[in-house]
Amino acid sequence: AADEFMKSISGKKPEKTKVIVSSHNYENTPSVDDLTNLVAKIQSTGAGIVKIATTAKDITDVSHMFRVMAHCQ
């Protein structure tokens, strides 16, 4: 869906405008590997900003997000 949207607005948005592509998981926080793959998938759409929201059930879930964020700009 994000790929299709990005194609549909190609050349139609102001040059400095960034598109936010987000993923929301209301059930849990995926593994670090799954989150890393998700970031890569979202980036591959051409998104200017990647947003990921998950449901943390304990402190280790938060550490998953920090580990992934450490490799993002």
Protein backbone atom coordinates (compact mmCIF):
# COMPACT_ATOMS: atom_id res chain seq x y z
CA ALA A 1 0.00 0.00 0.00
CA ALA A 2 2.81 2.45 0.83
CA ASP A 3 4.55 1.63 -2.46
CA GLU A 4 1.39 2.39 -4.40
CA PHE A 5 0.85 5.66 -2.56
CA MET A 6 4.44 6.79 -3.12
CA LYS A 7 4.09 6.05 -6.84
CA SER A 8 0.80 7.95 -7.00
CA ILE A 9 2.36 11.13 -5.58
CA SER A 10 5.64 10.90 -7.49
CA GLY A 11 6.37 14.32 -8.96
CA LYS A 12 3.26 15.82 -7.37
CA LYS A 13 4.59 16.94 -3.99
CA PRO A 14 6.86 19.89 -3.23
CA GLU A 15 10.53 18.89 -3.40
CA LYS A 16 11.30 19.51 0.28
CA THR A 17 8.20 17.68 1.53
CA LYS A 18 8.88 14.42 3.36
CA VAL A 19 6.36 11.61 3.45
CA ILE A 20 5.92 9.73 6.73
CA VAL A 21 5.27 6.00 6.43
CA SER A 22 4.28 4.39 9.70
CA SER A 23 3.63 0.95 11.11
CA HIS A 24 1.60 0.35 14.26
CA ASN A 25 1.61 -2.92 16.19
CA TYR A 26 -0.97 -2.91 18.97
CA GLU A 27 -0.22 -6.49 20.04
CA ASN A 28 3.48 -6.56 20.94
CA THR A 29 6.99 -5.44 20.09
CA PRO A 30 8.61 -7.61 17.41
CA SER A 31 12.16 -8.92 17.67
CA VAL A 32 15.10 -6.69 16.79
CA ASP A 33 15.53 -8.60 13.51
CA ASP A 34 11.86 -8.16 12.62
CA LEU A 35 11.98 -4.46 13.47
CA THR A 36 15.14 -4.00 11.41
CA ASN A 37 13.47 -5.71 8.46
CA LEU A 38 10.40 -3.51 8.92
CA VAL A 39 12.52 -0.35 8.87
CA ALA A 40 14.22 -1.53 5.68
CA LYS A 41 10.88 -2.33 4.07
CA ILE A 42 9.48 1.10 4.92
CA GLN A 43 12.66 2.82 3.72
CA SER A 44 12.41 0.94 0.42
CA THR A 45 9.10 2.70 -0.27
CA GLY A 46 10.97 6.00 -0.53
CA ALA A 47 9.59 7.32 2.74
CA GLY A 48 11.30 10.44 4.03
CA ILE A 49 10.46 9.56 7.62
CA VAL A 50 9.95 6.10 9.14
CA LYS A 51 7.64 5.81 12.15
CA ILE A 52 7.17 2.60 14.11
CA ALA A 53 4.85 2.28 17.10
CA THR A 54 4.67 -0.93 19.10
CA THR A 55 3.14 -2.16 22.33
CA ALA A 56 5.80 -2.67 24.98
CA LYS A 57 4.86 -5.32 27.51
CA ASP A 58 8.11 -5.14 29.49
CA ILE A 59 11.42 -3.27 29.57
CA THR A 60 13.08 -5.65 27.11
CA ASP A 61 10.60 -4.52 24.47
CA VAL A 62 11.86 -0.98 24.90
CA SER A 63 15.43 -2.19 24.46
CA HIS A 64 14.43 -3.70 21.09
CA MET A 65 13.34 -0.28 19.89
CA PHE A 66 16.51 1.41 21.18
CA ARG A 67 18.71 -1.18 19.45
CA VAL A 68 16.98 -0.54 16.13
CA MET A 69 16.98 3.25 16.57
CA ALA A 70 20.73 3.23 17.22
CA HIS A 71 21.22 2.34 13.55
CA CYS A 72 18.79 4.92 12.15
CA GLN A 73 19.43 8.54 11.26
